[in-house]
Amino acid sequence: MQKTPYLIEFNEKTKEKIANYHDYGYVVHLIKTLLHDKYGFPFHMYADDETSNEIWEVLEEDLELYPESVEVVSHLFDGLETRTISSNHTVKQLDFIIKPRIANTLYYYPGFQVALARSPIFLSHSETQHDFILAKNNECLVAFLNYILKRKREYTKNYVTVFTDTENGIDSSKEKITTFVTREDVFLEESLKKEIYRSIDEFFTDSGSFFQTYNIPYKRGILLYGKPGNGKTTLVKSIANSITAPVAYWQITEHTSSYSVHEVFSTVNRMTPMVLVIEDIDSMPLDVRSVFLNTLDGATSKDGIFLIGTTNYPEKIDPALINRSGRFDRAYEIKLPTNELRLAYLKKKKMSQFISSEELERIVELTDAFSYAQLNELYTSVALQWHYEKEVQIDQICAELQADNKKKKKQTWDSETDTHPVGFVRY
C-alpha cells in the first residue's frame, strides 16, 4: 500500500516556522525514533476517542500484577517524576506503596507490538499532557484493544467502578471490594428476596440464555426505594459479591450533566454484561432527565446492563422512569423490618452475648419502626454499656433511641400511610 505523504513533516526548520508544533513534534520524533531503533520497524500513531481511560487503567494494573508483560522502554524527561506514592487503606493500618508512574514513561507490550506514553508537552506559555498510542499496524492494535477489554472485565470483578459527577466533570475510580457481603447478610421478606435474586441470577447465568430462549430483550431495570438504613446498600453489595460480572456505581449529584450520562453509558457498554447501580436517582437535575430517558430508550444502550436505581424519596422520582417498558421494569419497596426480621438480624449480630433470650424478645418489641441502621446503633450502645458496666439497661437504651427516632421523623411516606403511588406526585 502506498504511503500517504504529509504536508508538514517534523524537522529542525519547523522550529522557525511553527514553533508550537515543533515543541510537540520533537517529543513525538524522539519517541518514534527510539522505538524504531530498538524494535526494528516503524510505528503508527493512533488517536483514542472511544476507550476513555481504560487503556491506562489496565496498564497500571498490569505493571502491578503482570510486570513481565510490559517493558519500560525509557523515561521521557529527566526533570520529572518517574515514581508515585500511593497507599493501601485497611481497617488495621495505612500502608504506603511506591509505584511506577504512568506519566513520563514509554511502555511497550511486546506480545502486541504496541507502545504507550503519557507525556507532558511544554508549549511556549503553557503545559499540556498528551496520550500517545503507537502500534506496528492496525491488526496489532485491534488485538491489543481486545486484550484491554478482556483484562478490564477480569480485574473489575474484584472492584466496583465508581463514577462521581463533580464540578470539573465526571470522576472515575475503582474501589476494591473489601467487605464481603453474602446473600445471607440480606434481611428482606423471603418472597421479595427470592424474586430479586432470581432476576439477577437469570441475567448472568449462561450469558443470559434465559432471555434468548424466551425472546426477551437482554436488559433489566429495577428500582429500590424506601427509608434510609433499611438495607438497600447491603442488598446491592450482596449482588456485587455474588455475581461474576463487573459492577459500576454512579453517584448522582447536582453536577450530573448530559455529558456524564453519555460518558457513563459509553463506558459501561464496553463492560457488558454488567450491573450499573445509580444511587439517589431522584437527585438527577431536571434539565438532564430527558437525556437520561432517551439514553435508556436507545436501541442498544442497555443491552447486557442490569440497571439498579436507588432512592430514599420515591415521591421525587420522575414518573417517566417507571411508566414505560425498558426503563425500570419493577419497583421494590425496601420496608422497615418486621418483628421476625428484627429478631433474626439481632441474632445474626450476636446480641445474645450481652443479654438473655427473654431480653432479646423484649428488645424486638421495643424497637418497632427501627431501621437496620438504627438496630446497628442499638447493638453498639448495648455493647458499650456491657463493656463498661457488665450490665445492660434495655428499656433505657431503647427509650433513648426511640426518642431520637421521633426527633428525626419528618413527613412519612410509608406504604401504609402514603397517599401517592411511587412517582406520581404533582408539583
Protein backbone atom coordinates (compact mmCIF):
# COMPACT_ATOMS: atom_id res chain seq x y z
CA MET A 1 0.00 0.00 0.00
CA GLN A 2 1.38 3.39 -0.99
CA LYS A 3 2.35 5.62 1.89
CA THR A 4 0.29 8.80 2.18
CA PRO A 5 2.58 11.87 2.27
CA TYR A 6 2.44 14.55 4.97
CA LEU A 7 2.03 18.20 4.10
CA ILE A 8 4.25 19.12 7.07
CA GLU A 9 6.92 16.80 8.44
CA PHE A 10 8.95 17.37 11.56
CA ASN A 11 12.47 18.74 11.15
CA GLU A 12 14.61 21.44 12.70
CA LYS A 13 13.18 24.07 10.34
CA THR A 14 9.71 23.69 11.80
CA LYS A 15 11.01 25.43 14.91
CA GLU A 16 11.37 28.64 12.91
CA LYS A 17 8.08 28.29 11.03
CA ILE A 18 5.72 26.58 13.51
CA ALA A 19 7.24 26.94 16.96
CA ASN A 20 4.43 25.28 18.93
CA TYR A 21 4.23 22.34 16.56
CA HIS A 22 7.98 21.87 16.89
CA ASP A 23 7.69 21.65 20.68
CA TYR A 24 5.14 18.88 20.30
CA GLY A 25 6.72 17.22 17.27
CA TYR A 26 10.13 16.99 18.94
CA VAL A 27 8.72 14.68 21.63
CA VAL A 28 6.92 12.55 19.03
CA HIS A 29 10.03 12.37 16.84
CA LEU A 30 12.22 11.12 19.70
CA ILE A 31 9.65 8.50 20.77
CA LYS A 32 9.18 7.12 17.25
CA THR A 33 12.92 7.13 16.55
CA LEU A 34 13.69 5.26 19.78
CA LEU A 35 11.01 2.64 19.10
CA HIS A 36 12.18 2.13 15.50
CA ASP A 37 15.82 1.76 16.52
CA LYS A 38 15.00 -0.65 19.36
CA TYR A 39 12.44 -2.89 17.67
CA GLY A 40 13.35 -2.57 14.01
CA PHE A 41 10.13 -1.33 12.40
CA PRO A 42 8.19 1.96 12.11
CA PHE A 43 5.30 2.65 14.50
CA HIS A 44 1.98 4.25 13.54
CA MET A 45 0.22 6.64 15.92
CA TYR A 46 -3.45 6.32 16.89
CA ALA A 47 -5.96 8.66 18.50
CA ASP A 48 -8.08 7.32 21.36
CA ASP A 49 -11.57 8.79 21.12
CA GLU A 50 -13.59 5.86 22.47
CA THR A 51 -11.86 3.82 25.19
CA SER A 52 -11.88 6.62 27.78
CA ASN A 53 -9.25 5.84 30.44
CA GLU A 54 -9.39 2.05 30.12
CA ILE A 55 -6.03 1.51 28.39
CA TRP A 56 -4.19 3.38 31.12
CA GLU A 57 -6.11 1.67 33.93
CA VAL A 58 -5.15 -1.74 32.54
CA LEU A 59 -1.55 -0.61 32.07
CA GLU A 60 -1.37 0.40 35.73
CA GLU A 61 -2.89 -2.93 36.77
CA ASP A 62 -0.50 -4.89 34.53
CA LEU A 63 2.53 -3.11 35.98
CA GLU A 64 1.44 -4.32 39.42
CA LEU A 65 0.18 -7.83 38.64
CA TYR A 66 1.89 -8.83 35.36
CA PRO A 67 5.08 -6.75 35.10
CA GLU A 68 6.64 -9.35 32.78
CA SER A 69 4.06 -8.44 30.10
CA VAL A 70 5.17 -4.79 29.89
CA GLU A 71 8.61 -3.35 29.08
CA VAL A 72 9.80 0.01 30.37
CA VAL A 73 11.48 1.39 27.25
CA SER A 74 12.56 4.77 28.60
CA HIS A 75 11.60 7.65 30.83
CA LEU A 76 10.91 10.85 28.89
CA PHE A 77 12.06 13.92 30.85
CA ASP A 78 14.81 13.58 33.46
CA GLY A 79 13.49 16.51 35.44
CA LEU A 80 10.07 14.97 36.07
CA GLU A 81 8.87 12.25 38.41
CA THR A 82 9.16 8.58 37.42
CA ARG A 83 7.59 7.05 40.54
CA THR A 84 4.50 7.90 42.55
CA ILE A 85 3.48 7.49 46.17
CA SER A 86 0.29 5.55 46.79
CA SER A 87 -1.33 3.88 49.78
CA ASN A 88 -3.47 0.96 50.82
CA HIS A 89 -6.10 1.68 53.46
CA THR A 90 -7.12 -1.24 55.63
CA VAL A 91 -9.10 -1.44 58.85
CA LYS A 92 -5.90 -2.01 60.82
CA GLN A 93 -3.34 0.24 59.17
CA LEU A 94 -2.29 2.54 56.36
CA ASP A 95 0.43 1.11 54.10
CA PHE A 96 2.41 3.35 51.76
CA ILE A 97 3.44 1.98 48.36
CA ILE A 98 5.86 3.26 45.74
CA LYS A 99 4.58 2.53 42.21
CA PRO A 100 5.84 3.24 38.67
CA ARG A 101 4.42 6.49 37.35
CA ILE A 102 2.28 6.12 34.25
CA ALA A 103 3.11 9.61 33.01
CA ASN A 104 6.60 10.50 31.76
CA THR A 105 7.45 6.90 30.75
CA LEU A 106 7.39 4.99 27.46
CA TYR A 107 5.94 1.47 27.87
CA TYR A 108 5.88 -1.38 25.37
CA TYR A 109 3.75 -4.54 25.13
CA PRO A 110 5.99 -6.98 23.17
CA GLY A 111 3.16 -9.50 22.83
CA PHE A 112 1.12 -6.99 20.82
CA GLN A 113 3.85 -4.69 19.44
CA VAL A 114 2.09 -1.70 20.96
CA ALA A 115 3.73 1.22 22.79
CA LEU A 116 2.13 3.67 25.21
CA ALA A 117 3.35 7.00 26.53
CA ARG A 118 1.62 9.68 28.56
CA SER A 119 3.84 12.69 28.06
CA PRO A 120 3.84 16.31 29.13
CA ILE A 121 4.16 18.74 26.24
CA PHE A 122 5.83 22.06 27.10
CA LEU A 123 4.47 24.85 24.94
CA SER A 124 5.51 28.48 24.90
CA HIS A 125 3.09 29.71 27.53
CA SER A 126 1.59 26.55 28.94
CA GLU A 127 1.98 22.85 29.62
CA THR A 128 -0.35 20.11 28.47
CA GLN A 129 -0.42 16.33 28.58
CA HIS A 130 -0.83 14.02 25.61
CA ASP A 131 -1.52 10.30 25.45
CA PHE A 132 0.46 8.53 22.73
CA ILE A 133 -0.64 5.13 21.41
CA LEU A 134 1.68 3.58 18.84
CA ALA A 135 1.49 0.19 17.13
CA LYS A 136 3.14 -1.73 14.31
CA ASN A 137 -0.14 -1.90 12.37
CA ASN A 138 -3.93 -1.92 12.73
CA GLU A 139 -4.10 -5.66 13.39
CA CYS A 140 -1.71 -5.37 16.33
CA LEU A 141 -3.72 -2.54 17.85
CA VAL A 142 -7.08 -4.34 17.44
CA ALA A 143 -5.65 -7.42 19.17
CA PHE A 144 -4.36 -5.17 21.97
CA LEU A 145 -7.73 -3.43 22.40
CA ASN A 146 -9.46 -6.81 22.67
CA TYR A 147 -6.93 -7.70 25.36
CA ILE A 148 -7.73 -4.43 27.16
CA LEU A 149 -11.46 -5.25 27.23
CA LYS A 150 -10.74 -8.77 28.50
CA ARG A 151 -8.40 -7.52 31.24
CA LYS A 152 -10.86 -4.80 32.18
CA ARG A 153 -13.56 -7.40 32.79
CA GLU A 154 -11.16 -9.58 34.77
CA TYR A 155 -9.99 -7.02 37.28
CA THR A 156 -13.30 -5.19 37.61
CA LYS A 157 -14.79 -8.37 39.10
CA ASN A 158 -12.79 -7.58 42.25
CA TYR A 159 -13.57 -3.88 42.13
CA VAL A 160 -16.51 -1.55 41.88
CA THR A 161 -16.10 1.15 39.25
CA VAL A 162 -17.27 4.41 40.81
CA PHE A 163 -18.50 7.36 38.74
CA THR A 164 -18.98 10.64 40.61
CA ASP A 165 -20.20 13.81 38.90
CA THR A 166 -18.14 16.80 40.00
CA GLU A 167 -17.91 20.46 39.09
CA ASN A 168 -14.96 19.64 36.82
CA GLY A 169 -16.57 16.69 35.04
CA ILE A 170 -17.05 13.03 35.83
CA ASP A 171 -14.54 11.41 38.16
CA SER A 172 -13.96 7.70 37.52
CA SER A 173 -12.21 5.47 40.02
CA LYS A 174 -12.16 1.84 41.07
CA GLU A 175 -12.60 0.68 44.65
CA LYS A 176 -11.58 -2.79 45.78
CA ILE A 177 -14.36 -4.84 47.36
CA THR A 178 -13.06 -5.27 50.92
CA THR A 179 -16.24 -6.08 52.83
CA PHE A 180 -17.66 -9.39 51.72
CA VAL A 181 -21.46 -9.29 51.92
CA THR A 182 -23.30 -12.55 51.22
CA ARG A 183 -26.94 -13.11 50.40
CA GLU A 184 -27.39 -14.46 53.92
CA ASP A 185 -26.46 -10.98 55.21
CA VAL A 186 -29.52 -9.50 53.47
CA PHE A 187 -32.66 -9.40 55.60
CA LEU A 188 -35.78 -8.97 53.47
CA GLU A 189 -39.16 -10.58 53.17
CA GLU A 190 -38.40 -14.01 51.74
CA SER A 191 -40.65 -13.68 48.68
CA LEU A 192 -39.15 -10.29 47.74
CA LYS A 193 -35.60 -11.53 48.30
CA LYS A 194 -36.21 -14.58 46.14
CA GLU A 195 -37.72 -12.52 43.31
CA ILE A 196 -34.83 -10.05 43.18
CA TYR A 197 -32.07 -12.67 43.27
CA ARG A 198 -33.86 -14.90 40.77
CA SER A 199 -33.95 -11.98 38.34
CA ILE A 200 -30.23 -11.33 38.89
CA ASP A 201 -29.22 -14.98 38.52
CA GLU A 202 -31.06 -15.48 35.25
CA PHE A 203 -29.47 -12.36 33.82
CA PHE A 204 -25.92 -13.57 34.39
CA THR A 205 -26.32 -17.35 34.02
CA ASP A 206 -25.03 -18.74 30.72
CA SER A 207 -24.70 -15.24 29.23
CA GLY A 208 -28.40 -14.56 29.65
CA SER A 209 -29.56 -17.68 27.79
CA PHE A 210 -32.94 -17.34 29.54
CA PHE A 211 -33.56 -14.11 27.64
CA GLN A 212 -32.62 -15.69 24.31
CA THR A 213 -34.76 -18.77 24.96
CA TYR A 214 -37.89 -16.74 25.62
CA ASN A 215 -37.13 -13.90 23.19
CA ILE A 216 -36.86 -11.27 25.94
CA PRO A 217 -34.67 -8.17 25.39
CA TYR A 218 -31.38 -8.66 27.25
CA LYS A 219 -31.80 -5.71 29.60
CA ARG A 220 -33.30 -5.28 33.04
CA GLY A 221 -34.01 -2.40 35.38
CA ILE A 222 -35.21 -2.41 38.99
CA LEU A 223 -35.84 0.48 41.37
CA LEU A 224 -35.23 0.02 45.10
CA TYR A 225 -36.98 2.58 47.29
CA GLY A 226 -37.62 3.00 50.97
CA LYS A 227 -36.47 4.80 54.09
CA PRO A 228 -32.72 5.24 54.69
CA GLY A 229 -30.96 2.47 56.59
CA ASN A 230 -33.20 -0.41 55.56
CA GLY A 231 -30.67 -2.40 53.59
CA LYS A 232 -30.70 -1.06 50.02
CA THR A 233 -26.92 -0.65 50.01
CA THR A 234 -26.39 -4.04 51.67
CA LEU A 235 -28.57 -5.64 49.01
CA VAL A 236 -26.52 -4.01 46.24
CA LYS A 237 -23.24 -5.13 47.89
CA SER A 238 -24.50 -8.70 48.11
CA ILE A 239 -25.35 -8.63 44.41
CA ALA A 240 -21.86 -7.34 43.58
CA ASN A 241 -20.28 -10.13 45.64
CA SER A 242 -22.42 -12.96 44.27
CA ILE A 243 -22.05 -12.49 40.51
CA THR A 244 -19.04 -12.96 38.25
CA ALA A 245 -19.57 -9.74 36.32
CA PRO A 246 -18.39 -6.13 36.61
CA VAL A 247 -20.32 -3.71 38.83
CA ALA A 248 -20.34 0.06 38.38
CA TYR A 249 -21.71 2.61 40.83
CA TRP A 250 -22.87 6.05 39.70
CA GLN A 251 -23.41 8.74 42.31
CA ILE A 252 -25.85 11.36 41.03
CA THR A 253 -25.10 14.93 42.17
CA GLU A 254 -26.13 18.46 41.25
CA HIS A 255 -23.25 18.37 38.73
CA THR A 256 -24.70 15.49 36.70
CA SER A 257 -24.96 16.57 33.08
CA SER A 258 -25.80 15.23 29.64
CA TYR A 259 -22.05 14.73 29.16
CA SER A 260 -21.80 12.48 32.21
CA VAL A 261 -24.83 10.45 31.07
CA HIS A 262 -23.08 9.81 27.75
CA GLU A 263 -19.74 9.11 29.42
CA VAL A 264 -21.13 6.61 31.94
CA PHE A 265 -23.17 4.62 29.42
CA SER A 266 -20.35 4.75 26.86
CA THR A 267 -18.04 3.18 29.46
CA VAL A 268 -20.42 0.55 30.88
CA ASN A 269 -21.50 -0.58 27.42
CA ARG A 270 -17.96 -1.89 26.97
CA MET A 271 -18.21 -3.88 30.21
CA THR A 272 -21.42 -5.79 29.48
CA PRO A 273 -22.89 -7.97 30.76
CA MET A 274 -22.66 -5.97 33.98
CA VAL A 275 -24.56 -4.23 36.79
CA LEU A 276 -24.95 -0.44 36.89
CA VAL A 277 -26.13 0.97 40.21
CA ILE A 278 -27.46 4.54 40.13
CA GLU A 279 -27.51 5.90 43.66
CA ASP A 280 -30.02 8.61 44.66
CA ILE A 281 -31.56 8.67 41.21
CA ASP A 282 -34.16 11.20 42.40
CA SER A 283 -31.33 13.76 42.66
CA MET A 284 -30.81 13.88 38.89
CA PRO A 285 -31.13 17.53 37.75
CA LEU A 286 -34.32 18.32 35.83
CA ASP A 287 -32.52 19.50 32.70
CA VAL A 288 -30.69 16.16 32.41
CA ARG A 289 -33.64 13.79 32.81
CA SER A 290 -34.76 13.89 29.18
CA VAL A 291 -31.23 12.98 28.02
CA PHE A 292 -31.13 10.14 30.55
CA LEU A 293 -34.53 8.82 29.45
CA ASN A 294 -33.56 9.00 25.78
CA THR A 295 -30.39 7.06 26.58
CA LEU A 296 -32.40 4.35 28.33
CA ASP A 297 -34.70 4.15 25.31
CA GLY A 298 -31.80 3.77 22.86
CA ALA A 299 -31.85 0.66 20.72
CA THR A 300 -28.68 -0.83 22.27
CA SER A 301 -27.89 1.50 25.16
CA LYS A 302 -28.95 -1.01 27.82
CA ASP A 303 -28.15 -4.32 26.15
CA GLY A 304 -26.41 -6.51 28.73
CA ILE A 305 -26.92 -3.98 31.54
CA PHE A 306 -28.75 -4.86 34.74
CA LEU A 307 -29.76 -1.42 36.00
CA ILE A 308 -30.44 -0.83 39.71
CA GLY A 309 -31.71 2.56 40.83
CA THR A 310 -31.98 3.51 44.49
CA THR A 311 -33.84 6.33 46.21
CA ASN A 312 -34.89 7.29 49.71
CA TYR A 313 -37.53 9.64 48.30
CA PRO A 314 -39.72 7.87 45.73
CA GLU A 315 -42.15 10.77 45.60
CA LYS A 316 -39.41 12.74 43.81
CA ILE A 317 -38.94 10.15 41.07
CA ASP A 318 -39.87 11.27 37.57
CA PRO A 319 -42.98 9.21 36.60
CA ALA A 320 -41.46 8.69 33.14
CA LEU A 321 -38.81 6.47 34.69
CA ILE A 322 -41.27 3.73 35.64
CA ASN A 323 -44.21 4.35 33.35
CA ARG A 324 -42.58 2.93 30.26
CA SER A 325 -41.26 -0.52 29.47
CA GLY A 326 -37.49 -0.81 29.10
CA ARG A 327 -36.60 1.77 31.72
CA PHE A 328 -37.22 0.44 35.23
CA ASP A 329 -39.23 -2.75 34.87
CA ARG A 330 -40.04 -3.21 38.56
CA ALA A 331 -40.06 -1.03 41.66
CA TYR A 332 -39.47 -2.75 45.02
CA GLU A 333 -40.13 -1.12 48.37
CA ILE A 334 -37.49 -2.00 50.96
CA LYS A 335 -39.66 -1.69 54.06
CA LEU A 336 -38.86 -1.32 57.73
CA PRO A 337 -38.00 -4.74 59.21
CA THR A 338 -40.81 -6.74 60.81
CA ASN A 339 -40.58 -8.26 64.30
CA GLU A 340 -39.34 -11.52 62.79
CA LEU A 341 -36.68 -9.78 60.70
CA ARG A 342 -35.50 -7.64 63.63
CA LEU A 343 -35.14 -10.77 65.76
CA ALA A 344 -33.22 -12.61 63.04
CA TYR A 345 -30.99 -9.59 62.45
CA LEU A 346 -30.11 -9.12 66.13
CA LYS A 347 -29.36 -12.83 66.43
CA LYS A 348 -27.06 -12.53 63.41
CA LYS A 349 -25.33 -9.63 65.18
CA LYS A 350 -24.85 -11.95 68.22
CA MET A 351 -26.76 -9.73 70.60
CA SER A 352 -27.22 -12.81 72.82
CA GLN A 353 -23.64 -12.43 74.10
CA PHE A 354 -24.87 -9.46 76.16
CA ILE A 355 -28.47 -10.34 77.08
CA SER A 356 -30.78 -13.29 77.66
CA SER A 357 -33.23 -14.65 75.08
CA GLU A 358 -36.12 -13.12 77.05
CA GLU A 359 -34.45 -9.71 76.97
CA LEU A 360 -33.84 -10.11 73.27
CA GLU A 361 -37.55 -10.72 72.72
CA ARG A 362 -38.29 -7.57 74.71
CA ILE A 363 -35.87 -5.52 72.60
CA VAL A 364 -37.70 -6.68 69.47
CA GLU A 365 -40.97 -5.37 70.92
CA LEU A 366 -39.38 -2.06 71.96
CA THR A 367 -37.79 -1.36 68.57
CA ASP A 368 -40.89 -1.08 66.43
CA ALA A 369 -40.23 1.18 63.40
CA PHE A 370 -36.46 0.82 63.75
CA SER A 371 -34.40 0.54 60.56
CA TYR A 372 -31.42 -1.77 60.28
CA ALA A 373 -29.14 1.24 60.69
CA GLN A 374 -30.86 2.04 64.00
CA LEU A 375 -30.56 -1.59 65.08
CA ASN A 376 -26.84 -1.31 64.44
CA GLU A 377 -26.73 1.72 66.71
CA LEU A 378 -28.71 -0.23 69.31
CA TYR A 379 -26.15 -3.03 69.16
CA THR A 380 -23.29 -0.56 69.60
CA SER A 381 -24.98 1.09 72.60
CA VAL A 382 -25.62 -2.28 74.24
CA ALA A 383 -22.04 -3.42 73.61
CA LEU A 384 -20.61 -0.20 75.07
CA GLN A 385 -22.74 -0.39 78.19
CA TRP A 386 -21.91 -4.06 78.70
CA HIS A 387 -18.18 -3.42 78.14
CA TYR A 388 -18.02 -0.77 80.87
CA GLU A 389 -20.77 -1.76 83.31
CA LYS A 390 -21.22 -5.52 82.72
CA GLU A 391 -24.96 -4.99 82.59
CA VAL A 392 -27.45 -3.61 80.08
CA GLN A 393 -30.38 -1.25 80.73
CA ILE A 394 -32.58 -2.36 77.84
CA ASP A 395 -35.55 -0.06 78.48
CA GLN A 396 -33.34 3.00 78.91
CA ILE A 397 -31.35 2.42 75.72
CA CYS A 398 -34.43 1.65 73.63
CA ALA A 399 -36.29 4.68 75.01
CA GLU A 400 -33.39 6.99 74.15
CA LEU A 401 -33.16 5.63 70.61
CA GLN A 402 -36.93 5.84 70.15
CA ALA A 403 -36.79 9.48 71.25
CA ASP A 404 -34.06 10.16 68.70
CA ASN A 405 -36.15 8.38 66.11
CA LYS A 406 -39.13 10.65 66.75
CA LYS A 407 -36.99 13.77 66.56
CA LYS A 408 -35.65 12.75 63.16
CA LYS A 409 -39.08 11.93 61.79
CA LYS A 410 -40.44 14.39 59.29
CA GLN A 411 -43.10 13.75 56.67
CA THR A 412 -43.53 9.99 56.36
CA TRP A 413 -44.03 8.10 53.14
CA ASP A 414 -44.50 4.54 54.34
CA SER A 415 -46.59 2.32 52.13
CA GLU A 416 -49.22 2.22 54.90
CA THR A 417 -49.69 6.00 55.05
CA ASP A 418 -48.59 7.28 51.66
CA THR A 419 -51.49 8.56 49.57
CA HIS A 420 -49.36 8.91 46.44
CA PRO A 421 -48.17 5.94 44.37
CA VAL A 422 -44.43 5.95 43.63
CA GLY A 423 -43.51 8.56 41.05
CA PHE A 424 -46.89 10.26 40.65
CA VAL A 425 -46.66 13.31 42.91
CA ARG A 426 -47.67 16.54 41.21
CA TYR A 427 -45.84 19.79 41.98
